[in-house]
Amino acid sequence: MSKEALKHYRMFIKTCKCLFRSDKVALDAAIIRVRGEFIKNKDVTDKEQLKNLFIYSEETERYLRQNVVQATLVGENTYRVQLTSDTVLEKNTPLPGENHPNSSACA
Protein backbone atom coordinates (compact mmCIF):
# COMPACT_ATOMS: atom_id res chain seq x y z
CA MET A 1 0.00 0.00 0.00
CA SER A 2 1.40 3.41 -0.95
CA LYS A 3 1.94 6.14 1.63
CA GLU A 4 -1.01 8.07 0.23
CA ALA A 5 -3.29 5.03 0.34
CA LEU A 6 -2.16 4.26 3.88
CA LYS A 7 -2.94 7.86 4.89
CA HIS A 8 -6.49 7.53 3.53
CA TYR A 9 -6.95 4.11 5.13
CA ARG A 10 -5.88 5.42 8.54
CA MET A 11 -8.15 8.45 8.14
CA PHE A 12 -11.13 6.14 7.50
CA ILE A 13 -10.31 3.89 10.45
CA LYS A 14 -9.94 6.92 12.76
CA THR A 15 -13.31 8.28 11.60
CA CYS A 16 -14.99 4.89 12.09
CA LYS A 17 -13.55 4.58 15.61
CA CYS A 18 -14.86 8.03 16.48
CA LEU A 19 -18.32 7.49 14.96
CA PHE A 20 -18.92 4.00 16.30
CA ARG A 21 -16.97 4.14 19.58
CA SER A 22 -19.91 2.85 21.60
CA ASP A 23 -21.10 0.24 19.08
CA LYS A 24 -18.60 -2.60 18.63
CA VAL A 25 -20.74 -4.41 16.04
CA ALA A 26 -21.03 -1.31 13.83
CA LEU A 27 -17.34 -0.49 14.31
CA ASP A 28 -16.24 -4.00 13.33
CA ALA A 29 -18.53 -3.96 10.27
CA ALA A 30 -17.23 -0.54 9.20
CA ILE A 31 -13.60 -1.57 9.56
CA ILE A 32 -14.20 -4.78 7.59
CA ARG A 33 -15.90 -2.76 4.83
CA VAL A 34 -13.13 -0.15 4.67
CA ARG A 35 -10.41 -2.82 4.66
CA GLY A 36 -12.24 -4.71 1.90
CA GLU A 37 -12.51 -1.61 -0.30
CA PHE A 38 -8.82 -0.82 0.08
CA ILE A 39 -7.81 -4.43 -0.59
CA LYS A 40 -10.07 -4.49 -3.66
CA ASN A 41 -8.13 -1.56 -5.12
CA LYS A 42 -4.63 -2.51 -3.92
CA ASP A 43 -3.34 -3.31 -7.41
CA VAL A 44 -4.41 -0.02 -9.02
CA THR A 45 -1.33 1.78 -10.35
CA ASP A 46 -2.76 4.22 -12.89
CA LYS A 47 -2.13 7.73 -11.53
CA GLU A 48 -5.46 9.13 -12.73
CA GLN A 49 -7.41 6.20 -11.31
CA LEU A 50 -5.55 6.53 -7.98
CA LYS A 51 -6.27 10.25 -7.91
CA ASN A 52 -9.99 9.54 -8.43
CA LEU A 53 -9.97 6.86 -5.72
CA PHE A 54 -8.30 9.25 -3.25
CA ILE A 55 -10.82 12.00 -4.04
CA TYR A 56 -13.65 9.48 -3.55
CA SER A 57 -12.06 8.36 -0.29
CA GLU A 58 -11.86 11.94 1.03
CA GLU A 59 -15.45 12.72 0.02
CA THR A 60 -16.80 9.51 1.56
CA GLU A 61 -14.88 9.98 4.81
CA ARG A 62 -16.08 13.60 5.06
CA TYR A 63 -19.69 12.50 4.42
CA LEU A 64 -19.47 9.91 7.20
CA ARG A 65 -17.89 12.39 9.61
CA GLN A 66 -20.48 15.09 8.92
CA ASN A 67 -23.68 13.09 8.42
CA VAL A 68 -23.56 9.83 10.36
CA VAL A 69 -24.49 9.86 14.04
CA GLN A 70 -25.02 7.18 16.64
CA ALA A 71 -28.28 7.08 18.58
CA THR A 72 -28.85 5.12 21.77
CA LEU A 73 -32.28 4.16 23.09
CA VAL A 74 -32.62 5.71 26.56
CA GLY A 75 -36.36 5.33 27.12
CA GLU A 76 -39.57 4.50 25.36
CA ASN A 77 -39.40 6.35 22.01
CA THR A 78 -36.46 8.41 23.31
CA TYR A 79 -32.95 8.34 21.87
CA ARG A 80 -29.74 10.10 22.79
CA VAL A 81 -27.84 11.19 19.69
CA GLN A 82 -24.08 11.47 19.88
CA LEU A 83 -23.09 14.54 17.87
CA THR A 84 -19.50 15.55 17.18
CA SER A 85 -17.97 18.91 16.33
CA ASP A 86 -18.01 17.77 12.67
CA THR A 87 -21.72 16.88 12.57
CA VAL A 88 -23.61 19.07 10.12
CA LEU A 89 -27.09 19.98 11.33
CA GLU A 90 -29.63 20.91 8.70
CA LYS A 91 -33.22 22.02 8.91
CA ASN A 92 -35.60 19.08 8.63
CA THR A 93 -38.59 19.09 6.33
CA PRO A 94 -41.78 18.59 8.36
CA LEU A 95 -43.69 15.38 7.79
CA PRO A 96 -47.11 15.69 6.14
CA GLY A 97 -49.72 16.70 8.70
CA GLU A 98 -47.20 18.18 11.14
CA ASN A 99 -47.69 21.79 12.07
CA HIS A 100 -44.49 23.56 13.04
CA PRO A 101 -44.48 27.28 13.88
CA ASN A 102 -41.49 28.21 11.70
CA SER A 103 -42.16 26.03 8.70
CA SER A 104 -43.89 26.67 5.44
CA ALA A 105 -46.38 24.27 3.91
CA CYS A 106 -45.02 21.87 1.32
CA ALA A 107 -46.69 21.98 -2.05
PDB file of N, CA and C in Angstrom:
ATOM      1  N   MET A   1       0.859  -1.169   0.000  1.00  0.00           N
ATOM      2  CA  MET A   1       0.000   0.000   0.000  1.00  0.00           C
ATOM      3  C   MET A   1       0.909   1.236   0.000  1.00  0.00           C
ATOM      4  N   SER A   2       0.601   2.189  -0.870  1.00  0.00           N
ATOM      5  CA  SER A   2       1.403   3.411  -0.947  1.00  0.00           C
ATOM      6  C   SER A   2       1.194   4.272   0.289  1.00  0.00           C
ATOM      7  N   LYS A   3       2.079   5.236   0.485  1.00  0.00           N
ATOM      8  CA  LYS A   3       1.943   6.142   1.634  1.00  0.00           C
ATOM      9  C   LYS A   3       0.615   6.894   1.582  1.00  0.00           C
ATOM     10  N   GLU A   4       0.238   7.327   0.392  1.00  0.00           N
ATOM     11  CA  GLU A   4      -1.015   8.073   0.229  1.00  0.00           C
ATOM     12  C   GLU A   4      -2.219   7.181   0.552  1.00  0.00           C
ATOM     13  N   ALA A   5      -2.195   5.960   0.062  1.00  0.00           N
ATOM     14  CA  ALA A   5      -3.294   5.035   0.338  1.00  0.00           C
ATOM     15  C   ALA A   5      -3.360   4.725   1.831  1.00  0.00           C
ATOM     16  N   LEU A   6      -2.212   4.537   2.446  1.00  0.00           N
ATOM     17  CA  LEU A   6      -2.161   4.258   3.882  1.00  0.00           C
ATOM     18  C   LEU A   6      -2.719   5.435   4.687  1.00  0.00           C
ATOM     19  N   LYS A   7      -2.412   6.653   4.237  1.00  0.00           N
ATOM     20  CA  LYS A   7      -2.940   7.860   4.891  1.00  0.00           C
ATOM     21  C   LYS A   7      -4.471   7.867   4.846  1.00  0.00           C
ATOM     22  N   HIS A   8      -5.035   7.559   3.687  1.00  0.00           N
ATOM     23  CA  HIS A   8      -6.492   7.533   3.534  1.00  0.00           C
ATOM     24  C   HIS A   8      -7.115   6.401   4.345  1.00  0.00           C
ATOM     25  N   TYR A   9      -6.464   5.252   4.358  1.00  0.00           N
ATOM     26  CA  TYR A   9      -6.953   4.114   5.133  1.00  0.00           C
ATOM     27  C   TYR A   9      -7.001   4.470   6.620  1.00  0.00           C
ATOM     28  N   ARG A  10      -5.925   5.038   7.127  1.00  0.00           N
ATOM     29  CA  ARG A  10      -5.875   5.421   8.539  1.00  0.00           C
ATOM     30  C   ARG A  10      -6.926   6.482   8.867  1.00  0.00           C
ATOM     31  N   MET A  11      -7.141   7.416   7.940  1.00  0.00           N
ATOM     32  CA  MET A  11      -8.149   8.450   8.139  1.00  0.00           C
ATOM     33  C   MET A  11      -9.536   7.810   8.292  1.00  0.00           C
ATOM     34  N   PHE A  12      -9.835   6.838   7.428  1.00  0.00           N
ATOM     35  CA  PHE A  12     -11.125   6.140   7.505  1.00  0.00           C
ATOM     36  C   PHE A  12     -11.282   5.394   8.820  1.00  0.00           C
ATOM     37  N   ILE A  13     -10.244   4.674   9.214  1.00  0.00           N
ATOM     38  CA  ILE A  13     -10.308   3.894  10.451  1.00  0.00           C
ATOM     39  C   ILE A  13     -10.505   4.824  11.645  1.00  0.00           C
ATOM     40  N   LYS A  14      -9.800   5.942  11.665  1.00  0.00           N
ATOM     41  CA  LYS A  14      -9.942   6.916  12.755  1.00  0.00           C
ATOM     42  C   LYS A  14     -11.375   7.457  12.807  1.00  0.00           C
ATOM     43  N   THR A  15     -11.929   7.779  11.657  1.00  0.00           N
ATOM     44  CA  THR A  15     -13.309   8.281  11.597  1.00  0.00           C
ATOM     45  C   THR A  15     -14.287   7.217  12.082  1.00  0.00           C
ATOM     46  N   CYS A  16     -14.102   5.982  11.650  1.00  0.00           N
ATOM     47  CA  CYS A  16     -14.986   4.892  12.091  1.00  0.00           C
ATOM     48  C   CYS A  16     -14.909   4.704  13.599  1.00  0.00           C
ATOM     49  N   LYS A  17     -13.705   4.752  14.160  1.00  0.00           N
ATOM     50  CA  LYS A  17     -13.549   4.580  15.605  1.00  0.00           C
ATOM     51  C   LYS A  17     -14.235   5.697  16.370  1.00  0.00           C
ATOM     52  N   CYS A  18     -14.191   6.899  15.836  1.00  0.00           N
ATOM     53  CA  CYS A  18     -14.865   8.030  16.481  1.00  0.00           C
ATOM     54  C   CYS A  18     -16.387   7.884  16.378  1.00  0.00           C
ATOM     55  N   LEU A  19     -16.876   7.576  15.182  1.00  0.00           N
ATOM     56  CA  LEU A  19     -18.320   7.493  14.960  1.00  0.00           C
ATOM     57  C   LEU A  19     -18.976   6.344  15.724  1.00  0.00           C
ATOM     58  N   PHE A  20     -18.312   5.212  15.757  1.00  0.00           N
ATOM     59  CA  PHE A  20     -18.923   3.999  16.299  1.00  0.00           C
ATOM     60  C   PHE A  20     -18.265   3.546  17.601  1.00  0.00           C
ATOM     61  N   ARG A  21     -17.722   4.482  18.359  1.00  0.00           N
ATOM     62  CA  ARG A  21     -16.970   4.143  19.575  1.00  0.00           C
ATOM     63  C   ARG A  21     -17.792   3.372  20.599  1.00  0.00           C
ATOM     64  N   SER A  22     -19.090   3.553  20.603  1.00  0.00           N
ATOM     65  CA  SER A  22     -19.909   2.852  21.600  1.00  0.00           C
ATOM     66  C   SER A  22     -20.702   1.684  20.991  1.00  0.00           C
ATOM     67  N   ASP A  23     -20.375   1.311  19.764  1.00  0.00           N
ATOM     68  CA  ASP A  23     -21.099   0.239  19.082  1.00  0.00           C
ATOM     69  C   ASP A  23     -20.100  -0.691  18.402  1.00  0.00           C
ATOM     70  N   LYS A  24     -19.651  -1.701  19.131  1.00  0.00           N
ATOM     71  CA  LYS A  24     -18.602  -2.600  18.627  1.00  0.00           C
ATOM     72  C   LYS A  24     -19.021  -3.308  17.341  1.00  0.00           C
ATOM     73  N   VAL A  25     -20.269  -3.704  17.245  1.00  0.00           N
ATOM     74  CA  VAL A  25     -20.740  -4.408  16.042  1.00  0.00           C
ATOM     75  C   VAL A  25     -20.628  -3.494  14.822  1.00  0.00           C
ATOM     76  N   ALA A  26     -21.106  -2.255  14.946  1.00  0.00           N
ATOM     77  CA  ALA A  26     -21.035  -1.311  13.830  1.00  0.00           C
ATOM     78  C   ALA A  26     -19.584  -0.967  13.502  1.00  0.00           C
ATOM     79  N   LEU A  27     -18.755  -0.802  14.526  1.00  0.00           N
ATOM     80  CA  LEU A  27     -17.336  -0.493  14.314  1.00  0.00           C
ATOM     81  C   LEU A  27     -16.652  -1.627  13.564  1.00  0.00           C
ATOM     82  N   ASP A  28     -16.859  -2.849  14.003  1.00  0.00           N
ATOM     83  CA  ASP A  28     -16.243  -4.000  13.328  1.00  0.00           C
ATOM     84  C   ASP A  28     -16.707  -4.093  11.877  1.00  0.00           C
ATOM     85  N   ALA A  29     -17.998  -3.898  11.637  1.00  0.00           N
ATOM     86  CA  ALA A  29     -18.534  -3.956  10.269  1.00  0.00           C
ATOM     87  C   ALA A  29     -17.933  -2.855   9.401  1.00  0.00           C
ATOM     88  N   ALA A  30     -17.802  -1.662   9.952  1.00  0.00           N
ATOM     89  CA  ALA A  30     -17.234  -0.541   9.197  1.00  0.00           C
ATOM     90  C   ALA A  30     -15.776  -0.807   8.847  1.00  0.00           C
ATOM     91  N   ILE A  31     -15.013  -1.296   9.805  1.00  0.00           N
ATOM     92  CA  ILE A  31     -13.596  -1.574   9.558  1.00  0.00           C
ATOM     93  C   ILE A  31     -13.432  -2.669   8.513  1.00  0.00           C
ATOM     94  N   ILE A  32     -14.253  -3.703   8.588  1.00  0.00           N
ATOM     95  CA  ILE A  32     -14.198  -4.777   7.589  1.00  0.00           C
ATOM     96  C   ILE A  32     -14.512  -4.225   6.205  1.00  0.00           C
ATOM     97  N   ARG A  33     -15.508  -3.351   6.124  1.00  0.00           N
ATOM     98  CA  ARG A  33     -15.901  -2.765   4.829  1.00  0.00           C
ATOM     99  C   ARG A  33     -14.792  -1.884   4.274  1.00  0.00           C
ATOM    100  N   VAL A  34     -14.214  -1.040   5.120  1.00  0.00           N
ATOM    101  CA  VAL A  34     -13.131  -0.154   4.669  1.00  0.00           C
ATOM    102  C   VAL A  34     -11.941  -0.994   4.208  1.00  0.00           C
ATOM    103  N   ARG A  35     -11.548  -1.966   5.021  1.00  0.00           N
ATOM    104  CA  ARG A  35     -10.411  -2.820   4.663  1.00  0.00           C
ATOM    105  C   ARG A  35     -10.673  -3.520   3.330  1.00  0.00           C
ATOM    106  N   GLY A  36     -11.891  -4.028   3.143  1.00  0.00           N
ATOM    107  CA  GLY A  36     -12.236  -4.708   1.895  1.00  0.00           C
ATOM    108  C   GLY A  36     -12.131  -3.803   0.682  1.00  0.00           C
ATOM    109  N   GLU A  37     -12.580  -2.559   0.819  1.00  0.00           N
ATOM    110  CA  GLU A  37     -12.511  -1.611  -0.301  1.00  0.00           C
ATOM    111  C   GLU A  37     -11.062  -1.282  -0.657  1.00  0.00           C
ATOM    112  N   PHE A  38     -10.221  -1.117   0.354  1.00  0.00           N
ATOM    113  CA  PHE A  38      -8.816  -0.818   0.077  1.00  0.00           C
ATOM    114  C   PHE A  38      -8.109  -2.032  -0.524  1.00  0.00           C
ATOM    115  N   ILE A  39      -8.414  -3.214  -0.033  1.00  0.00           N
ATOM    116  CA  ILE A  39      -7.806  -4.428  -0.592  1.00  0.00           C
ATOM    117  C   ILE A  39      -8.260  -4.621  -2.036  1.00  0.00           C
ATOM    118  N   LYS A  40      -9.530  -4.339  -2.304  1.00  0.00           N
ATOM    119  CA  LYS A  40     -10.073  -4.495  -3.659  1.00  0.00           C
ATOM    120  C   LYS A  40      -9.301  -3.635  -4.665  1.00  0.00           C
ATOM    121  N   ASN A  41      -8.815  -2.480  -4.221  1.00  0.00           N
ATOM    122  CA  ASN A  41      -8.134  -1.556  -5.119  1.00  0.00           C
ATOM    123  C   ASN A  41      -6.620  -1.524  -4.924  1.00  0.00           C
ATOM    124  N   LYS A  42      -6.060  -2.522  -4.254  1.00  0.00           N
ATOM    125  CA  LYS A  42      -4.633  -2.513  -3.916  1.00  0.00           C
ATOM    126  C   LYS A  42      -3.721  -2.588  -5.135  1.00  0.00           C
ATOM    127  N   ASP A  43      -4.201  -3.138  -6.234  1.00  0.00           N
ATOM    128  CA  ASP A  43      -3.344  -3.305  -7.414  1.00  0.00           C
ATOM    129  C   ASP A  43      -3.477  -2.170  -8.426  1.00  0.00           C
ATOM    130  N   VAL A  44      -4.250  -1.151  -8.110  1.00  0.00           N
ATOM    131  CA  VAL A  44      -4.412  -0.016  -9.016  1.00  0.00           C
ATOM    132  C   VAL A  44      -3.111   0.780  -9.027  1.00  0.00           C
ATOM    133  N   THR A  45      -2.578   1.020 -10.219  1.00  0.00           N
ATOM    134  CA  THR A  45      -1.329   1.779 -10.350  1.00  0.00           C
ATOM    135  C   THR A  45      -1.474   3.006 -11.240  1.00  0.00           C
ATOM    136  N   ASP A  46      -2.538   3.070 -12.018  1.00  0.00           N
ATOM    137  CA  ASP A  46      -2.762   4.217 -12.893  1.00  0.00           C
ATOM    138  C   ASP A  46      -2.935   5.480 -12.061  1.00  0.00           C
ATOM    139  N   LYS A  47      -2.123   6.503 -12.338  1.00  0.00           N
ATOM    140  CA  LYS A  47      -2.133   7.732 -11.527  1.00  0.00           C
ATOM    141  C   LYS A  47      -3.494   8.420 -11.522  1.00  0.00           C
ATOM    142  N   GLU A  48      -4.146   8.469 -12.652  1.00  0.00           N
ATOM    143  CA  GLU A  48      -5.456   9.126 -12.731  1.00  0.00           C
ATOM    144  C   GLU A  48      -6.507   8.349 -11.934  1.00  0.00           C
ATOM    145  N   GLN A  49      -6.467   7.050 -12.058  1.00  0.00           N
ATOM    146  CA  GLN A  49      -7.407   6.203 -11.314  1.00  0.00           C
ATOM    147  C   GLN A  49      -7.161   6.324  -9.805  1.00  0.00           C
ATOM    148  N   LEU A  50      -5.878   6.354  -9.396  1.00  0.00           N
ATOM    149  CA  LEU A  50      -5.546   6.533  -7.981  1.00  0.00           C
ATOM    150  C   LEU A  50      -6.027   7.878  -7.478  1.00  0.00           C
ATOM    151  N   LYS A  51      -5.821   8.911  -8.288  1.00  0.00           N
ATOM    152  CA  LYS A  51      -6.272  10.252  -7.913  1.00  0.00           C
ATOM    153  C   LYS A  51      -7.776  10.250  -7.668  1.00  0.00           C
ATOM    154  N   ASN A  52      -8.525   9.613  -8.569  1.00  0.00           N
ATOM    155  CA  ASN A  52      -9.986   9.540  -8.426  1.00  0.00           C
ATOM    156  C   ASN A  52     -10.390   8.738  -7.189  1.00  0.00           C
ATOM    157  N   LEU A  53      -9.676   7.661  -6.913  1.00  0.00           N
ATOM    158  CA  LEU A  53      -9.970   6.864  -5.718  1.00  0.00           C
ATOM    159  C   LEU A  53      -9.700   7.662  -4.445  1.00  0.00           C
ATOM    160  N   PHE A  54      -8.623   8.446  -4.427  1.00  0.00           N
ATOM    161  CA  PHE A  54      -8.304   9.245  -3.251  1.00  0.00           C
ATOM    162  C   PHE A  54      -9.329  10.364  -3.047  1.00  0.00           C
ATOM    163  N   ILE A  55      -9.776  10.969  -4.134  1.00  0.00           N
ATOM    164  CA  ILE A  55     -10.822  11.995  -4.039  1.00  0.00           C
ATOM    165  C   ILE A  55     -12.103  11.363  -3.490  1.00  0.00           C
ATOM    166  N   TYR A  56     -12.464  10.199  -4.026  1.00  0.00           N
ATOM    167  CA  TYR A  56     -13.654   9.483  -3.553  1.00  0.00           C
ATOM    168  C   TYR A  56     -13.513   9.132  -2.075  1.00  0.00           C
ATOM    169  N   SER A  57     -12.332   8.707  -1.687  1.00  0.00           N
ATOM    170  CA  SER A  57     -12.061   8.362  -0.292  1.00  0.00           C
ATOM    171  C   SER A  57     -12.269   9.565   0.615  1.00  0.00           C
ATOM    172  N   GLU A  58     -11.717  10.717   0.222  1.00  0.00           N
ATOM    173  CA  GLU A  58     -11.864  11.940   1.027  1.00  0.00           C
ATOM    174  C   GLU A  58     -13.321  12.361   1.138  1.00  0.00           C
ATOM    175  N   GLU A  59     -14.041  12.308   0.018  1.00  0.00           N
ATOM    176  CA  GLU A  59     -15.447  12.716   0.022  1.00  0.00           C
ATOM    177  C   GLU A  59     -16.296  11.780   0.882  1.00  0.00           C
ATOM    178  N   THR A  60     -16.034  10.490   0.793  1.00  0.00           N
ATOM    179  CA  THR A  60     -16.798   9.510   1.560  1.00  0.00           C
ATOM    180  C   THR A  60     -16.514   9.650   3.051  1.00  0.00           C
ATOM    181  N   GLU A  61     -15.250   9.816   3.403  1.00  0.00           N
ATOM    182  CA  GLU A  61     -14.875   9.980   4.809  1.00  0.00           C
ATOM    183  C   GLU A  61     -15.509  11.248   5.377  1.00  0.00           C
ATOM    184  N   ARG A  62     -15.479  12.340   4.611  1.00  0.00           N
ATOM    185  CA  ARG A  62     -16.084  13.602   5.055  1.00  0.00           C
ATOM    186  C   ARG A  62     -17.587  13.439   5.245  1.00  0.00           C
ATOM    187  N   TYR A  63     -18.247  12.737   4.307  1.00  0.00           N
ATOM    188  CA  TYR A  63     -19.687  12.504   4.422  1.00  0.00           C
ATOM    189  C   TYR A  63     -20.001  11.734   5.709  1.00  0.00           C
ATOM    190  N   LEU A  64     -19.252  10.682   5.976  1.00  0.00           N
ATOM    191  CA  LEU A  64     -19.465   9.910   7.204  1.00  0.00           C
ATOM    192  C   LEU A  64     -19.296  10.795   8.439  1.00  0.00           C
ATOM    193  N   ARG A  65     -18.204  11.549   8.458  1.00  0.00           N
ATOM    194  CA  ARG A  65     -17.893  12.389   9.615  1.00  0.00           C
ATOM    195  C   ARG A  65     -18.973  13.446   9.864  1.00  0.00           C
ATOM    196  N   GLN A  66     -19.530  13.985   8.786  1.00  0.00           N
ATOM    197  CA  GLN A  66     -20.479  15.089   8.916  1.00  0.00           C
ATOM    198  C   GLN A  66     -21.937  14.647   9.021  1.00  0.00           C
ATOM    199  N   ASN A  67     -22.262  13.456   8.538  1.00  0.00           N
ATOM    200  CA  ASN A  67     -23.677  13.090   8.417  1.00  0.00           C
ATOM    201  C   ASN A  67     -24.116  11.833   9.148  1.00  0.00           C
ATOM    202  N   VAL A  68     -23.189  11.055   9.663  1.00  0.00           N
ATOM    203  CA  VAL A  68     -23.561   9.827  10.363  1.00  0.00           C
ATOM    204  C   VAL A  68     -23.437  10.062  11.860  1.00  0.00           C
ATOM    205  N   VAL A  69     -24.488   9.718  12.585  1.00  0.00           N
ATOM    206  CA  VAL A  69     -24.485   9.856  14.042  1.00  0.00           C
ATOM    207  C   VAL A  69     -24.959   8.546  14.659  1.00  0.00           C
ATOM    208  N   GLN A  70     -24.566   8.340  15.892  1.00  0.00           N
ATOM    209  CA  GLN A  70     -25.018   7.177  16.645  1.00  0.00           C
ATOM    210  C   GLN A  70     -26.149   7.619  17.567  1.00  0.00           C
ATOM    211  N   ALA A  71     -27.171   6.806  17.671  1.00  0.00           N
ATOM    212  CA  ALA A  71     -28.283   7.081  18.578  1.00  0.00           C
ATOM    213  C   ALA A  71     -28.463   5.877  19.498  1.00  0.00           C
ATOM    214  N   THR A  72     -28.673   6.158  20.770  1.00  0.00           N
ATOM    215  CA  THR A  72     -28.849   5.116  21.772  1.00  0.00           C
ATOM    216  C   THR A  72     -30.228   5.259  22.393  1.00  0.00           C
ATOM    217  N   LEU A  73     -30.962   4.165  22.457  1.00  0.00           N
ATOM    218  CA  LEU A  73     -32.279   4.157  23.087  1.00  0.00           C
ATOM    219  C   LEU A  73     -32.098   4.361  24.589  1.00  0.00           C
ATOM    220  N   VAL A  74     -32.740   5.419  25.122  1.00  0.00           N
ATOM    221  CA  VAL A  74     -32.618   5.710  26.556  1.00  0.00           C
ATOM    222  C   VAL A  74     -33.956   5.617  27.283  1.00  0.00           C
ATOM    223  N   GLY A  75     -35.027   5.458  26.549  1.00  0.00           N
ATOM    224  CA  GLY A  75     -36.361   5.334  27.125  1.00  0.00           C
ATOM    225  C   GLY A  75     -37.327   5.000  26.012  1.00  0.00           C
ATOM    226  N   GLU A  76     -38.583   4.824  26.375  1.00  0.00           N
ATOM    227  CA  GLU A  76     -39.572   4.500  25.360  1.00  0.00           C
ATOM    228  C   GLU A  76     -39.672   5.654  24.365  1.00  0.00           C
ATOM    229  N   ASN A  77     -39.376   5.364  23.097  1.00  0.00           N
ATOM    230  CA  ASN A  77     -39.403   6.354  22.013  1.00  0.00           C
ATOM    231  C   ASN A  77     -38.453   7.526  22.254  1.00  0.00           C
ATOM    232  N   THR A  78     -37.420   7.339  23.040  1.00  0.00           N
ATOM    233  CA  THR A  78     -36.463   8.409  23.311  1.00  0.00           C
ATOM    234  C   THR A  78     -35.053   7.916  23.029  1.00  0.00           C
ATOM    235  N   TYR A  79     -34.319   8.692  22.239  1.00  0.00           N
ATOM    236  CA  TYR A  79     -32.955   8.341  21.872  1.00  0.00           C
ATOM    237  C   TYR A  79     -32.010   9.475  22.239  1.00  0.00           C
ATOM    238  N   ARG A  80     -30.799   9.110  22.581  1.00  0.00           N
ATOM    239  CA  ARG A  80     -29.737  10.097  22.794  1.00  0.00           C
ATOM    240  C   ARG A  80     -28.828  10.006  21.573  1.00  0.00           C
ATOM    241  N   VAL A  81     -28.663  11.132  20.894  1.00  0.00           N
ATOM    242  CA  VAL A  81     -27.843  11.189  19.694  1.00  0.00           C
ATOM    243  C   VAL A  81     -26.475  11.737  20.060  1.00  0.00           C
ATOM    244  N   GLN A  82     -25.446  11.054  19.592  1.00  0.00           N
ATOM    245  CA  GLN A  82     -24.079  11.474  19.880  1.00  0.00           C
ATOM    246  C   GLN A  82     -23.569  12.311  18.715  1.00  0.00           C
ATOM    247  N   LEU A  83     -23.587  13.625  18.891  1.00  0.00           N
ATOM    248  CA  LEU A  83     -23.093  14.542  17.867  1.00  0.00           C
ATOM    249  C   LEU A  83     -21.620  14.824  18.118  1.00  0.00           C
ATOM    250  N   THR A  84     -20.903  15.156  17.054  1.00  0.00           N
ATOM    251  CA  THR A  84     -19.505  15.551  17.179  1.00  0.00           C
ATOM    252  C   THR A  84     -19.369  16.982  16.668  1.00  0.00           C
ATOM    253  N   SER A  85     -18.195  17.539  16.823  1.00  0.00           N
ATOM    254  CA  SER A  85     -17.972  18.905  16.332  1.00  0.00           C
ATOM    255  C   SER A  85     -18.048  18.955  14.809  1.00  0.00           C
ATOM    256  N   ASP A  86     -17.931  17.816  14.133  1.00  0.00           N
ATOM    257  CA  ASP A  86     -18.005  17.768  12.667  1.00  0.00           C
ATOM    258  C   ASP A  86     -19.424  17.554  12.144  1.00  0.00           C
ATOM    259  N   THR A  87     -20.353  17.177  13.000  1.00  0.00           N
ATOM    260  CA  THR A  87     -21.720  16.883  12.572  1.00  0.00           C
ATOM    261  C   THR A  87     -22.369  18.130  11.980  1.00  0.00           C
ATOM    262  N   VAL A  88     -22.929  17.974  10.795  1.00  0.00           N
ATOM    263  CA  VAL A  88     -23.613  19.067  10.116  1.00  0.00           C
ATOM    264  C   VAL A  88     -25.103  18.939  10.429  1.00  0.00           C
ATOM    265  N   LEU A  89     -25.657  19.978  11.015  1.00  0.00           N
ATOM    266  CA  LEU A  89     -27.086  19.983  11.326  1.00  0.00           C
ATOM    267  C   LEU A  89     -27.817  20.798  10.272  1.00  0.00           C
ATOM    268  N   GLU A  90     -28.835  20.212   9.711  1.00  0.00           N
ATOM    269  CA  GLU A  90     -29.627  20.908   8.699  1.00  0.00           C
ATOM    270  C   GLU A  90     -31.072  20.956   9.148  1.00  0.00           C
ATOM    271  N   LYS A  91     -31.809  21.883   8.578  1.00  0.00           N
ATOM    272  CA  LYS A  91     -33.225  22.023   8.913  1.00  0.00           C
ATOM    273  C   LYS A  91     -33.997  20.863   8.294  1.00  0.00           C
ATOM    274  N   ASN A  92     -34.799  20.198   9.106  1.00  0.00           N
ATOM    275  CA  ASN A  92     -35.601  19.077   8.629  1.00  0.00           C
ATOM    276  C   ASN A  92     -36.878  19.557   7.963  1.00  0.00           C
ATOM    277  N   THR A  93     -37.312  18.825   6.976  1.00  0.00           N
ATOM    278  CA  THR A  93     -38.587  19.092   6.329  1.00  0.00           C
ATOM    279  C   THR A  93     -39.670  18.434   7.173  1.00  0.00           C
ATOM    280  N   PRO A  94     -40.722  19.188   7.550  1.00  0.00           N
ATOM    281  CA  PRO A  94     -41.785  18.589   8.361  1.00  0.00           C
ATOM    282  C   PRO A  94     -42.483  17.450   7.621  1.00  0.00           C
ATOM    283  N   LEU A  95     -42.923  16.469   8.367  1.00  0.00           N
ATOM    284  CA  LEU A  95     -43.689  15.376   7.785  1.00  0.00           C
ATOM    285  C   LEU A  95     -45.085  15.880   7.448  1.00  0.00           C
ATOM    286  N   PRO A  96     -45.751  15.272   6.476  1.00  0.00           N
ATOM    287  CA  PRO A  96     -47.112  15.693   6.138  1.00  0.00           C
ATOM    288  C   PRO A  96     -48.012  15.630   7.372  1.00  0.00           C
ATOM    289  N   GLY A  97     -48.791  16.664   7.575  1.00  0.00           N
ATOM    290  CA  GLY A  97     -49.715  16.699   8.700  1.00  0.00           C
ATOM    291  C   GLY A  97     -49.132  17.317   9.952  1.00  0.00           C
ATOM    292  N   GLU A  98     -47.811  17.531   9.983  1.00  0.00           N
ATOM    293  CA  GLU A  98     -47.195  18.176  11.142  1.00  0.00           C
ATOM    294  C   GLU A  98     -47.324  19.678  11.002  1.00  0.00           C
ATOM    295  N   ASN A  99     -47.567  20.347  12.076  1.00  0.00           N
ATOM    296  CA  ASN A  99     -47.691  21.794  12.075  1.00  0.00           C
ATOM    297  C   ASN A  99     -46.595  22.378  12.952  1.00  0.00           C
ATOM    298  N   HIS A 100     -45.594  22.936  12.308  1.00  0.00           N
ATOM    299  CA  HIS A 100     -44.493  23.556  13.037  1.00  0.00           C
ATOM    300  C   HIS A 100     -44.558  25.068  12.861  1.00  0.00           C
ATOM    301  N   PRO A 101     -44.321  25.826  13.931  1.00  0.00           N
ATOM    302  CA  PRO A 101     -44.482  27.277  13.881  1.00  0.00           C
ATOM    303  C   PRO A 101     -43.600  27.974  12.861  1.00  0.00           C
ATOM    304  N   ASN A 102     -42.392  27.514  12.610  1.00  0.00           N
ATOM    305  CA  ASN A 102     -41.492  28.209  11.701  1.00  0.00           C
ATOM    306  C   ASN A 102     -41.309  27.492  10.380  1.00  0.00           C
ATOM    307  N   SER A 103     -42.287  26.742   9.952  1.00  0.00           N
ATOM    308  CA  SER A 103     -42.157  26.025   8.699  1.00  0.00           C
ATOM    309  C   SER A 103     -43.227  26.483   7.724  1.00  0.00           C
ATOM    310  N   SER A 104     -42.879  26.342   6.454  1.00  0.00           N
ATOM    311  CA  SER A 104     -43.892  26.669   5.440  1.00  0.00           C
ATOM    312  C   SER A 104     -44.481  25.373   4.927  1.00  0.00           C
ATOM    313  N   ALA A 105     -45.705  25.460   4.412  1.00  0.00           N
ATOM    314  CA  ALA A 105     -46.384  24.268   3.905  1.00  0.00           C
ATOM    315  C   ALA A 105     -45.689  23.766   2.658  1.00  0.00           C
ATOM    316  N   CYS A 106     -45.600  22.469   2.516  1.00  0.00           N
ATOM    317  CA  CYS A 106     -45.022  21.867   1.323  1.00  0.00           C
ATOM    318  C   CYS A 106     -46.088  21.742   0.267  1.00  0.00           C
ATOM    319  N   ALA A 107     -45.733  22.064  -0.966  1.00  0.00           N
ATOM    320  CA  ALA A 107     -46.693  21.980  -2.049  1.00  0.00           C
ATOM    321  C   ALA A 107     -46.705  20.619  -2.656  1.00  0.00           C
TER     322      ALA A 107
END
